[in-house]
Structures are given as C-alpha cells and as structure tokens.
PDB file of N, CA and C in Angstrom:
ATOM      1  N   MET A   1     -47.558 124.923  51.862  1.00  0.00           N
ATOM      2  CA  MET A   1     -46.114 124.812  51.757  1.00  0.00           C
ATOM      3  C   MET A   1     -45.462 125.881  52.635  1.00  0.00           C
ATOM      4  N   ALA A   2     -44.403 125.517  53.314  1.00  0.00           N
ATOM      5  CA  ALA A   2     -43.717 126.438  54.235  1.00  0.00           C
ATOM      6  C   ALA A   2     -43.035 127.565  53.474  1.00  0.00           C
ATOM      7  N   GLN A   3     -43.043 128.724  54.070  1.00  0.00           N
ATOM      8  CA  GLN A   3     -42.346 129.886  53.519  1.00  0.00           C
ATOM      9  C   GLN A   3     -41.139 130.120  54.409  1.00  0.00           C
ATOM     10  N   TRP A   4     -39.961 129.655  53.997  1.00  0.00           N
ATOM     11  CA  TRP A   4     -38.772 129.739  54.837  1.00  0.00           C
ATOM     12  C   TRP A   4     -38.100 131.080  54.647  1.00  0.00           C
ATOM     13  N   GLN A   5     -37.748 131.695  55.753  1.00  0.00           N
ATOM     14  CA  GLN A   5     -37.071 132.981  55.740  1.00  0.00           C
ATOM     15  C   GLN A   5     -35.901 132.900  56.692  1.00  0.00           C
ATOM     16  N   MET A   6     -34.913 133.697  56.470  1.00  0.00           N
ATOM     17  CA  MET A   6     -33.826 133.825  57.437  1.00  0.00           C
ATOM     18  C   MET A   6     -34.237 134.891  58.435  1.00  0.00           C
ATOM     19  N   PRO A   7     -33.913 134.713  59.717  1.00  0.00           N
ATOM     20  CA  PRO A   7     -34.269 135.741  60.696  1.00  0.00           C
ATOM     21  C   PRO A   7     -33.570 137.049  60.368  1.00  0.00           C
ATOM     22  N   ALA A   8     -34.268 138.145  60.599  1.00  0.00           N
ATOM     23  CA  ALA A   8     -33.734 139.463  60.258  1.00  0.00           C
ATOM     24  C   ALA A   8     -33.034 140.122  61.439  1.00  0.00           C
ATOM     25  N   GLY A   9     -32.675 139.353  62.451  1.00  0.00           N
ATOM     26  CA  GLY A   9     -32.036 139.940  63.625  1.00  0.00           C
ATOM     27  C   GLY A   9     -33.079 140.356  64.632  1.00  0.00           C
ATOM     28  N   ASP A  10     -32.667 141.154  65.591  1.00  0.00           N
ATOM     29  CA  ASP A  10     -33.590 141.576  66.628  1.00  0.00           C
ATOM     30  C   ASP A  10     -34.674 142.472  66.056  1.00  0.00           C
ATOM     31  N   ASN A  11     -35.858 142.299  66.560  1.00  0.00           N
ATOM     32  CA  ASN A  11     -37.007 143.075  66.141  1.00  0.00           C
ATOM     33  C   ASN A  11     -37.096 144.300  67.053  1.00  0.00           C
ATOM     34  N   PRO A  12     -36.945 145.517  66.523  1.00  0.00           N
ATOM     35  CA  PRO A  12     -36.966 146.713  67.364  1.00  0.00           C
ATOM     36  C   PRO A  12     -38.319 146.939  68.032  1.00  0.00           C
ATOM     37  N   VAL A  13     -39.397 146.315  67.535  1.00  0.00           N
ATOM     38  CA  VAL A  13     -40.715 146.486  68.103  1.00  0.00           C
ATOM     39  C   VAL A  13     -40.913 145.554  69.310  1.00  0.00           C
ATOM     40  N   ARG A  14     -40.105 144.501  69.396  1.00  0.00           N
ATOM     41  CA  ARG A  14     -40.251 143.520  70.469  1.00  0.00           C
ATOM     42  C   ARG A  14     -40.019 144.201  71.806  1.00  0.00           C
ATOM     43  N   THR A  15     -40.979 144.059  72.724  1.00  0.00           N
ATOM     44  CA  THR A  15     -40.869 144.713  74.015  1.00  0.00           C
ATOM     45  C   THR A  15     -40.785 143.732  75.177  1.00  0.00           C
ATOM     46  N   ALA A  16     -41.228 142.506  74.985  1.00  0.00           N
ATOM     47  CA  ALA A  16     -41.226 141.534  76.078  1.00  0.00           C
ATOM     48  C   ALA A  16     -39.860 140.864  76.196  1.00  0.00           C
ATOM     49  N   VAL A  17     -39.468 140.599  77.422  1.00  0.00           N
ATOM     50  CA  VAL A  17     -38.215 139.894  77.675  1.00  0.00           C
ATOM     51  C   VAL A  17     -38.382 138.441  77.239  1.00  0.00           C
ATOM     52  N   ARG A  18     -37.411 137.938  76.508  1.00  0.00           N
ATOM     53  CA  ARG A  18     -37.435 136.543  76.078  1.00  0.00           C
ATOM     54  C   ARG A  18     -36.569 135.712  77.015  1.00  0.00           C
ATOM     55  N   PHE A  19     -37.107 134.563  77.418  1.00  0.00           N
ATOM     56  CA  PHE A  19     -36.373 133.644  78.272  1.00  0.00           C
ATOM     57  C   PHE A  19     -35.921 132.464  77.433  1.00  0.00           C
ATOM     58  N   PRO A  20     -34.599 132.233  77.312  1.00  0.00           N
ATOM     59  CA  PRO A  20     -34.130 131.075  76.545  1.00  0.00           C
ATOM     60  C   PRO A  20     -34.415 129.806  77.343  1.00  0.00           C
ATOM     61  N   MET A  21     -35.380 129.021  76.869  1.00  0.00           N
ATOM     62  CA  MET A  21     -35.763 127.792  77.561  1.00  0.00           C
ATOM     63  C   MET A  21     -36.066 126.701  76.557  1.00  0.00           C
ATOM     64  N   LYS A  22     -35.476 125.554  76.776  1.00  0.00           N
ATOM     65  CA  LYS A  22     -35.745 124.393  75.928  1.00  0.00           C
ATOM     66  C   LYS A  22     -36.698 123.480  76.692  1.00  0.00           C
ATOM     67  N   LEU A  23     -37.979 123.547  76.304  1.00  0.00           N
ATOM     68  CA  LEU A  23     -39.023 122.743  76.922  1.00  0.00           C
ATOM     69  C   LEU A  23     -39.797 122.009  75.838  1.00  0.00           C
ATOM     70  N   ALA A  24     -40.057 120.733  76.050  1.00  0.00           N
ATOM     71  CA  ALA A  24     -40.863 119.962  75.107  1.00  0.00           C
ATOM     72  C   ALA A  24     -42.312 120.418  75.211  1.00  0.00           C
ATOM     73  N   ILE A  25     -42.949 120.624  74.059  1.00  0.00           N
ATOM     74  CA  ILE A  25     -44.364 120.981  74.040  1.00  0.00           C
ATOM     75  C   ILE A  25     -45.079 120.143  72.985  1.00  0.00           C
ATOM     76  N   ARG A  26     -46.357 119.969  73.195  1.00  0.00           N
ATOM     77  CA  ARG A  26     -47.227 119.293  72.224  1.00  0.00           C
ATOM     78  C   ARG A  26     -48.237 120.323  71.757  1.00  0.00           C
ATOM     79  N   LEU A  27     -48.158 120.686  70.495  1.00  0.00           N
ATOM     80  CA  LEU A  27     -49.053 121.684  69.918  1.00  0.00           C
ATOM     81  C   LEU A  27     -50.329 121.018  69.425  1.00  0.00           C
ATOM     82  N   GLN A  28     -51.466 121.611  69.753  1.00  0.00           N
ATOM     83  CA  GLN A  28     -52.755 121.184  69.212  1.00  0.00           C
ATOM     84  C   GLN A  28     -53.060 122.124  68.055  1.00  0.00           C
ATOM     85  N   THR A  29     -53.257 121.561  66.866  1.00  0.00           N
ATOM     86  CA  THR A  29     -53.525 122.382  65.680  1.00  0.00           C
ATOM     87  C   THR A  29     -54.686 121.772  64.903  1.00  0.00           C
ATOM     88  N   ASP A  30     -55.166 122.487  63.908  1.00  0.00           N
ATOM     89  CA  ASP A  30     -56.205 121.950  63.023  1.00  0.00           C
ATOM     90  C   ASP A  30     -55.669 120.761  62.226  1.00  0.00           C
ATOM     91  N   GLN A  31     -54.345 120.665  62.099  1.00  0.00           N
ATOM     92  CA  GLN A  31     -53.711 119.563  61.375  1.00  0.00           C
ATOM     93  C   GLN A  31     -53.441 118.367  62.288  1.00  0.00           C
ATOM     94  N   GLY A  32     -53.763 118.474  63.577  1.00  0.00           N
ATOM     95  CA  GLY A  32     -53.506 117.413  64.546  1.00  0.00           C
ATOM     96  C   GLY A  32     -52.446 117.848  65.546  1.00  0.00           C
ATOM     97  N   GLU A  33     -51.976 116.902  66.349  1.00  0.00           N
ATOM     98  CA  GLU A  33     -50.950 117.185  67.344  1.00  0.00           C
ATOM     99  C   GLU A  33     -49.569 117.175  66.704  1.00  0.00           C
ATOM    100  N   MET A  34     -48.710 118.065  67.193  1.00  0.00           N
ATOM    101  CA  MET A  34     -47.331 118.145  66.717  1.00  0.00           C
ATOM    102  C   MET A  34     -46.411 118.311  67.913  1.00  0.00           C
ATOM    103  N   GLU A  35     -45.290 117.613  67.891  1.00  0.00           N
ATOM    104  CA  GLU A  35     -44.289 117.725  68.945  1.00  0.00           C
ATOM    105  C   GLU A  35     -43.304 118.818  68.561  1.00  0.00           C
ATOM    106  N   ALA A  36     -42.872 119.600  69.541  1.00  0.00           N
ATOM    107  CA  ALA A  36     -41.904 120.667  69.283  1.00  0.00           C
ATOM    108  C   ALA A  36     -41.071 120.906  70.541  1.00  0.00           C
ATOM    109  N   MET A  37     -40.045 121.713  70.387  1.00  0.00           N
ATOM    110  CA  MET A  37     -39.177 122.099  71.495  1.00  0.00           C
ATOM    111  C   MET A  37     -39.054 123.614  71.463  1.00  0.00           C
ATOM    112  N   THR A  38     -39.312 124.259  72.590  1.00  0.00           N
ATOM    113  CA  THR A  38     -39.183 125.719  72.622  1.00  0.00           C
ATOM    114  C   THR A  38     -37.709 126.106  72.585  1.00  0.00           C
ATOM    115  N   GLU A  39     -37.431 127.259  72.027  1.00  0.00           N
ATOM    116  CA  GLU A  39     -36.092 127.848  72.070  1.00  0.00           C
ATOM    117  C   GLU A  39     -36.096 129.039  73.016  1.00  0.00           C
ATOM    118  N   ASN A  40     -37.153 129.852  72.912  1.00  0.00           N
ATOM    119  CA  ASN A  40     -37.333 130.945  73.863  1.00  0.00           C
ATOM    120  C   ASN A  40     -38.807 131.274  73.970  1.00  0.00           C
ATOM    121  N   ILE A  41     -39.147 131.880  75.115  1.00  0.00           N
ATOM    122  CA  ILE A  41     -40.541 132.196  75.420  1.00  0.00           C
ATOM    123  C   ILE A  41     -40.593 133.595  76.025  1.00  0.00           C
ATOM    124  N   SER A  42     -41.632 134.342  75.671  1.00  0.00           N
ATOM    125  CA  SER A  42     -41.895 135.637  76.308  1.00  0.00           C
ATOM    126  C   SER A  42     -43.375 135.689  76.636  1.00  0.00           C
ATOM    127  N   ALA A  43     -43.806 136.772  77.239  1.00  0.00           N
ATOM    128  CA  ALA A  43     -45.231 136.941  77.536  1.00  0.00           C
ATOM    129  C   ALA A  43     -46.049 137.062  76.257  1.00  0.00           C
ATOM    130  N   ASN A  44     -45.401 137.459  75.160  1.00  0.00           N
ATOM    131  CA  ASN A  44     -46.104 137.696  73.898  1.00  0.00           C
ATOM    132  C   ASN A  44     -46.015 136.565  72.901  1.00  0.00           C
ATOM    133  N   GLY A  45     -45.055 135.650  73.064  1.00  0.00           N
ATOM    134  CA  GLY A  45     -44.895 134.616  72.061  1.00  0.00           C
ATOM    135  C   GLY A  45     -43.798 133.633  72.386  1.00  0.00           C
ATOM    136  N   LEU A  46     -43.505 132.803  71.398  1.00  0.00           N
ATOM    137  CA  LEU A  46     -42.452 131.813  71.565  1.00  0.00           C
ATOM    138  C   LEU A  46     -41.833 131.480  70.222  1.00  0.00           C
ATOM    139  N   LEU A  47     -40.612 130.958  70.305  1.00  0.00           N
ATOM    140  CA  LEU A  47     -39.906 130.418  69.155  1.00  0.00           C
ATOM    141  C   LEU A  47     -39.753 128.942  69.433  1.00  0.00           C
ATOM    142  N   PHE A  48     -40.113 128.101  68.458  1.00  0.00           N
ATOM    143  CA  PHE A  48     -39.998 126.665  68.660  1.00  0.00           C
ATOM    144  C   PHE A  48     -39.444 125.966  67.432  1.00  0.00           C
ATOM    145  N   VAL A  49     -38.932 124.766  67.665  1.00  0.00           N
ATOM    146  CA  VAL A  49     -38.306 123.942  66.643  1.00  0.00           C
ATOM    147  C   VAL A  49     -39.084 122.644  66.549  1.00  0.00           C
ATOM    148  N   GLY A  50     -39.255 122.135  65.335  1.00  0.00           N
ATOM    149  CA  GLY A  50     -39.928 120.851  65.162  1.00  0.00           C
ATOM    150  C   GLY A  50     -39.662 120.266  63.790  1.00  0.00           C
ATOM    151  N   GLU A  51     -39.800 118.957  63.711  1.00  0.00           N
ATOM    152  CA  GLU A  51     -39.666 118.293  62.409  1.00  0.00           C
ATOM    153  C   GLU A  51     -40.809 118.691  61.495  1.00  0.00           C
ATOM    154  N   GLU A  52     -41.988 118.847  62.094  1.00  0.00           N
ATOM    155  CA  GLU A  52     -43.185 119.257  61.378  1.00  0.00           C
ATOM    156  C   GLU A  52     -43.673 120.533  62.046  1.00  0.00           C
ATOM    157  N   LEU A  53     -44.021 121.539  61.259  1.00  0.00           N
ATOM    158  CA  LEU A  53     -44.478 122.816  61.807  1.00  0.00           C
ATOM    159  C   LEU A  53     -45.864 123.154  61.278  1.00  0.00           C
ATOM    160  N   PRO A  54     -46.696 123.773  62.110  1.00  0.00           N
ATOM    161  CA  PRO A  54     -47.991 124.230  61.612  1.00  0.00           C
ATOM    162  C   PRO A  54     -47.787 125.328  60.568  1.00  0.00           C
ATOM    163  N   PRO A  55     -48.714 125.476  59.633  1.00  0.00           N
ATOM    164  CA  PRO A  55     -48.572 126.535  58.622  1.00  0.00           C
ATOM    165  C   PRO A  55     -48.642 127.930  59.243  1.00  0.00           C
ATOM    166  N   ILE A  56     -48.104 128.893  58.523  1.00  0.00           N
ATOM    167  CA  ILE A  56     -48.206 130.293  58.951  1.00  0.00           C
ATOM    168  C   ILE A  56     -49.681 130.664  59.040  1.00  0.00           C
ATOM    169  N   GLU A  57     -50.049 131.378  60.075  1.00  0.00           N
ATOM    170  CA  GLU A  57     -51.410 131.795  60.433  1.00  0.00           C
ATOM    171  C   GLU A  57     -52.225 130.674  61.071  1.00  0.00           C
ATOM    172  N   ALA A  58     -51.637 129.484  61.264  1.00  0.00           N
ATOM    173  CA  ALA A  58     -52.359 128.391  61.920  1.00  0.00           C
ATOM    174  C   ALA A  58     -52.580 128.726  63.389  1.00  0.00           C
ATOM    175  N   ARG A  59     -53.733 128.373  63.896  1.00  0.00           N
ATOM    176  CA  ARG A  59     -54.052 128.519  65.320  1.00  0.00           C
ATOM    177  C   ARG A  59     -53.388 127.362  66.054  1.00  0.00           C
ATOM    178  N   ILE A  60     -52.760 127.660  67.186  1.00  0.00           N
ATOM    179  CA  ILE A  60     -52.130 126.626  68.000  1.00  0.00           C
ATOM    180  C   ILE A  60     -52.592 126.764  69.451  1.00  0.00           C
ATOM    181  N   GLU A  61     -52.604 125.631  70.139  1.00  0.00           N
ATOM    182  CA  GLU A  61     -52.861 125.609  71.579  1.00  0.00           C
ATOM    183  C   GLU A  61     -51.828 124.698  72.203  1.00  0.00           C
ATOM    184  N   PHE A  62     -51.359 125.055  73.387  1.00  0.00           N
ATOM    185  CA  PHE A  62     -50.419 124.208  74.101  1.00  0.00           C
ATOM    186  C   PHE A  62     -50.453 124.565  75.581  1.00  0.00           C
ATOM    187  N   THR A  63     -50.041 123.621  76.384  1.00  0.00           N
ATOM    188  CA  THR A  63     -49.918 123.837  77.822  1.00  0.00           C
ATOM    189  C   THR A  63     -48.456 123.642  78.166  1.00  0.00           C
ATOM    190  N   ILE A  64     -47.939 124.525  78.983  1.00  0.00           N
ATOM    191  CA  ILE A  64     -46.519 124.485  79.308  1.00  0.00           C
ATOM    192  C   ILE A  64     -46.339 124.717  80.808  1.00  0.00           C
ATOM    193  N   ALA A  65     -45.392 124.000  81.383  1.00  0.00           N
ATOM    194  CA  ALA A  65     -45.050 124.193  82.791  1.00  0.00           C
ATOM    195  C   ALA A  65     -43.839 125.113  82.849  1.00  0.00           C
ATOM    196  N   MET A  66     -44.063 126.329  83.310  1.00  0.00           N
ATOM    197  CA  MET A  66     -42.967 127.292  83.426  1.00  0.00           C
ATOM    198  C   MET A  66     -42.232 127.030  84.739  1.00  0.00           C
ATOM    199  N   PRO A  67     -40.907 126.891  84.681  1.00  0.00           N
ATOM    200  CA  PRO A  67     -40.140 126.601  85.896  1.00  0.00           C
ATOM    201  C   PRO A  67     -40.285 127.695  86.953  1.00  0.00           C
ATOM    202  N   SER A  68     -40.343 127.272  88.211  1.00  0.00           N
ATOM    203  CA  SER A  68     -40.522 128.206  89.321  1.00  0.00           C
ATOM    204  C   SER A  68     -39.434 129.270  89.357  1.00  0.00           C
ATOM    205  N   ALA A  69     -38.207 128.909  88.988  1.00  0.00           N
ATOM    206  CA  ALA A  69     -37.099 129.868  89.001  1.00  0.00           C
ATOM    207  C   ALA A  69     -37.349 131.022  88.031  1.00  0.00           C
ATOM    208  N   VAL A  70     -37.970 130.734  86.904  1.00  0.00           N
ATOM    209  CA  VAL A  70     -38.266 131.774  85.914  1.00  0.00           C
ATOM    210  C   VAL A  70     -39.447 132.621  86.372  1.00  0.00           C
ATOM    211  N   MET A  71     -40.438 131.959  86.988  1.00  0.00           N
ATOM    212  CA  MET A  71     -41.667 132.643  87.384  1.00  0.00           C
ATOM    213  C   MET A  71     -41.542 133.347  88.735  1.00  0.00           C
ATOM    214  N   GLY A  72     -40.509 133.029  89.501  1.00  0.00           N
ATOM    215  CA  GLY A  72     -40.340 133.644  90.810  1.00  0.00           C
ATOM    216  C   GLY A  72     -41.350 133.124  91.825  1.00  0.00           C
ATOM    217  N   THR A  73     -41.720 131.846  91.687  1.00  0.00           N
ATOM    218  CA  THR A  73     -42.693 131.226  92.579  1.00  0.00           C
ATOM    219  C   THR A  73     -42.075 130.009  93.259  1.00  0.00           C
ATOM    220  N   ASP A  74     -42.807 129.452  94.232  1.00  0.00           N
ATOM    221  CA  ASP A  74     -42.334 128.256  94.933  1.00  0.00           C
ATOM    222  C   ASP A  74     -42.488 127.001  94.095  1.00  0.00           C
ATOM    223  N   LYS A  75     -43.498 126.991  93.209  1.00  0.00           N
ATOM    224  CA  LYS A  75     -43.776 125.823  92.371  1.00  0.00           C
ATOM    225  C   LYS A  75     -43.804 126.239  90.905  1.00  0.00           C
ATOM    226  N   ASP A  76     -43.614 125.238  90.023  1.00  0.00           N
ATOM    227  CA  ASP A  76     -43.780 125.495  88.600  1.00  0.00           C
ATOM    228  C   ASP A  76     -45.200 126.001  88.349  1.00  0.00           C
ATOM    229  N   VAL A  77     -45.357 126.822  87.329  1.00  0.00           N
ATOM    230  CA  VAL A  77     -46.663 127.381  86.976  1.00  0.00           C
ATOM    231  C   VAL A  77     -47.075 126.804  85.619  1.00  0.00           C
ATOM    232  N   THR A  78     -48.254 126.195  85.585  1.00  0.00           N
ATOM    233  CA  THR A  78     -48.773 125.627  84.341  1.00  0.00           C
ATOM    234  C   THR A  78     -49.635 126.674  83.646  1.00  0.00           C
ATOM    235  N   ILE A  79     -49.337 126.884  82.368  1.00  0.00           N
ATOM    236  CA  ILE A  79     -50.037 127.914  81.595  1.00  0.00           C
ATOM    237  C   ILE A  79     -50.574 127.281  80.311  1.00  0.00           C
ATOM    238  N   HIS A  80     -51.853 127.511  80.034  1.00  0.00           N
ATOM    239  CA  HIS A  80     -52.457 127.056  78.780  1.00  0.00           C
ATOM    240  C   HIS A  80     -52.489 128.258  77.840  1.00  0.00           C
ATOM    241  N   CYS A  81     -51.940 128.092  76.647  1.00  0.00           N
ATOM    242  CA  CYS A  81     -51.807 129.201  75.697  1.00  0.00           C
ATOM    243  C   CYS A  81     -52.545 128.919  74.399  1.00  0.00           C
ATOM    244  N   ILE A  82     -53.081 129.978  73.815  1.00  0.00           N
ATOM    245  CA  ILE A  82     -53.703 129.946  72.497  1.00  0.00           C
ATOM    246  C   ILE A  82     -53.028 131.028  71.675  1.00  0.00           C
ATOM    247  N   GLY A  83     -52.573 130.668  70.493  1.00  0.00           N
ATOM    248  CA  GLY A  83     -51.878 131.644  69.662  1.00  0.00           C
ATOM    249  C   GLY A  83     -51.937 131.276  68.197  1.00  0.00           C
ATOM    250  N   ARG A  84     -51.003 131.855  67.454  1.00  0.00           N
ATOM    251  CA  ARG A  84     -50.951 131.602  66.004  1.00  0.00           C
ATOM    252  C   ARG A  84     -49.521 131.740  65.510  1.00  0.00           C
ATOM    253  N   VAL A  85     -49.205 130.959  64.501  1.00  0.00           N
ATOM    254  CA  VAL A  85     -47.867 130.974  63.910  1.00  0.00           C
ATOM    255  C   VAL A  85     -47.754 132.195  63.007  1.00  0.00           C
ATOM    256  N   VAL A  86     -46.661 132.962  63.170  1.00  0.00           N
ATOM    257  CA  VAL A  86     -46.498 134.182  62.366  1.00  0.00           C
ATOM    258  C   VAL A  86     -45.358 134.087  61.357  1.00  0.00           C
ATOM    259  N   ARG A  87     -44.410 133.178  61.566  1.00  0.00           N
ATOM    260  CA  ARG A  87     -43.355 133.018  60.556  1.00  0.00           C
ATOM    261  C   ARG A  87     -42.610 131.706  60.760  1.00  0.00           C
ATOM    262  N   HIS A  88     -41.984 131.265  59.676  1.00  0.00           N
ATOM    263  CA  HIS A  88     -41.101 130.096  59.657  1.00  0.00           C
ATOM    264  C   HIS A  88     -39.740 130.539  59.179  1.00  0.00           C
ATOM    265  N   TYR A  89     -38.722 129.834  59.595  1.00  0.00           N
ATOM    266  CA  TYR A  89     -37.420 129.990  58.964  1.00  0.00           C
ATOM    267  C   TYR A  89     -36.559 128.775  59.244  1.00  0.00           C
ATOM    268  N   LEU A  90     -35.512 128.652  58.471  1.00  0.00           N
ATOM    269  CA  LEU A  90     -34.569 127.551  58.572  1.00  0.00           C
ATOM    270  C   LEU A  90     -33.265 128.124  59.084  1.00  0.00           C
ATOM    271  N   GLN A  91     -32.737 127.548  60.175  1.00  0.00           N
ATOM    272  CA  GLN A  91     -31.492 128.046  60.755  1.00  0.00           C
ATOM    273  C   GLN A  91     -30.689 126.854  61.250  1.00  0.00           C
ATOM    274  N   GLY A  92     -29.458 126.739  60.761  1.00  0.00           N
ATOM    275  CA  GLY A  92     -28.611 125.636  61.183  1.00  0.00           C
ATOM    276  C   GLY A  92     -29.223 124.280  60.888  1.00  0.00           C
ATOM    277  N   GLY A  93     -29.990 124.189  59.817  1.00  0.00           N
ATOM    278  CA  GLY A  93     -30.625 122.935  59.447  1.00  0.00           C
ATOM    279  C   GLY A  93     -31.873 122.608  60.253  1.00  0.00           C
ATOM    280  N   GLN A  94     -32.277 123.504  61.145  1.00  0.00           N
ATOM    281  CA  GLN A  94     -33.474 123.277  61.963  1.00  0.00           C
ATOM    282  C   GLN A  94     -34.640 124.107  61.447  1.00  0.00           C
ATOM    283  N   LYS A  95     -35.819 123.485  61.434  1.00  0.00           N
ATOM    284  CA  LYS A  95     -37.043 124.189  61.074  1.00  0.00           C
ATOM    285  C   LYS A  95     -37.558 124.901  62.312  1.00  0.00           C
ATOM    286  N   LYS A  96     -37.709 126.219  62.231  1.00  0.00           N
ATOM    287  CA  LYS A  96     -38.142 127.012  63.375  1.00  0.00           C
ATOM    288  C   LYS A  96     -39.397 127.794  63.009  1.00  0.00           C
ATOM    289  N   ALA A  97     -40.213 128.020  64.028  1.00  0.00           N
ATOM    290  CA  ALA A  97     -41.429 128.814  63.843  1.00  0.00           C
ATOM    291  C   ALA A  97     -41.571 129.770  65.014  1.00  0.00           C
ATOM    292  N   ALA A  98     -42.061 130.955  64.716  1.00  0.00           N
ATOM    293  CA  ALA A  98     -42.374 131.944  65.745  1.00  0.00           C
ATOM    294  C   ALA A  98     -43.888 132.043  65.829  1.00  0.00           C
ATOM    295  N   ALA A  99     -44.384 132.125  67.064  1.00  0.00           N
ATOM    296  CA  ALA A  99     -45.822 132.235  67.269  1.00  0.00           C
ATOM    297  C   ALA A  99     -46.123 133.359  68.250  1.00  0.00           C
ATOM    298  N   VAL A 100     -47.235 134.010  68.039  1.00  0.00           N
ATOM    299  CA  VAL A 100     -47.748 135.029  68.945  1.00  0.00           C
ATOM    300  C   VAL A 100     -48.726 134.341  69.888  1.00  0.00           C
ATOM    301  N   ILE A 101     -48.655 134.671  71.172  1.00  0.00           N
ATOM    302  CA  ILE A 101     -49.624 134.166  72.134  1.00  0.00           C
ATOM    303  C   ILE A 101     -50.733 135.207  72.251  1.00  0.00           C
ATOM    304  N   ASP A 102     -51.940 134.822  71.846  1.00  0.00           N
ATOM    305  CA  ASP A 102     -53.083 135.741  71.885  1.00  0.00           C
ATOM    306  C   ASP A 102     -53.814 135.693  73.220  1.00  0.00           C
ATOM    307  N   GLU A 103     -53.874 134.506  73.838  1.00  0.00           N
ATOM    308  CA  GLU A 103     -54.547 134.335  75.123  1.00  0.00           C
ATOM    309  C   GLU A 103     -53.777 133.331  75.955  1.00  0.00           C
ATOM    310  N   TYR A 104     -53.810 133.500  77.266  1.00  0.00           N
ATOM    311  CA  TYR A 104     -53.249 132.461  78.126  1.00  0.00           C
ATOM    312  C   TYR A 104     -54.005 132.418  79.444  1.00  0.00           C
ATOM    313  N   PHE A 105     -54.003 131.234  80.046  1.00  0.00           N
ATOM    314  CA  PHE A 105     -54.725 130.993  81.270  1.00  0.00           C
ATOM    315  C   PHE A 105     -53.828 130.238  82.236  1.00  0.00           C
ATOM    316  N   LEU A 106     -53.711 130.710  83.457  1.00  0.00           N
ATOM    317  CA  LEU A 106     -52.960 129.984  84.479  1.00  0.00           C
ATOM    318  C   LEU A 106     -53.810 128.830  84.955  1.00  0.00           C
ATOM    319  N   LYS A 107     -53.173 127.666  85.114  1.00  0.00           N
ATOM    320  CA  LYS A 107     -53.894 126.487  85.591  1.00  0.00           C
ATOM    321  C   LYS A 107     -53.417 126.149  86.983  1.00  0.00           C
ATOM    322  N   ALA A 108     -54.355 125.841  87.858  1.00  0.00           N
ATOM    323  CA  ALA A 108     -54.017 125.485  89.239  1.00  0.00           C
ATOM    324  C   ALA A 108     -53.604 124.030  89.331  1.00  0.00           C
TER     325      ALA A 108
END
C-alpha cells in the first residue's frame, strides 16, 4: 500500500541541479511495466507522475532520451538508468514518486 506524504519543500541536502522536463518513460519493475511522466530529472534522481506507481524501495529501470539542448550535445543522448523509489506523495490530485538513480549507462 502506498505511503502518501506531502512534499516537505526543498531538500537542503540536494546538490544536483534539477531540470524540469516532462518526458514519457516506461518503468521496468518487479511488478511489470508501468507508464509514467517525468516532472524533473537530475544526475541523482527523478520525480515522476503516474496512475500506478512502484512501491517504495522498488527497483526500477528505464531508458530515457535526454534532449540535446539540456545535454549540450549535437544529438539527444540516450541513457539507461537503474534506481529505486524513495518516496510517494499526492500533490494536486496527482500521484508522484521520487526515485534515486543508482547506476546509469550512456547508450550509443
């Protein structure tokens, strides 16, 4: 069962710059595939919205195409990420989850 929390504001420990980006992603989880939409992404994690969310501490995998403008490259950069969900909350009627990215790999 989801543990819904209200966000506590900015996290003073957060050090990575967050990029507000709405990108569709397909999460691979032990519960199966889940569709979601990112709200923001950093080198350390992401915030995403979905009708169905993986449980807290669930392992997730996803591949995302980061826009060239954000990456400072000529072409979009595809990144495969492995992480875990660290919290859920409900905001404006939307189910949101924050995840930490533990590993990532650039794909050619």
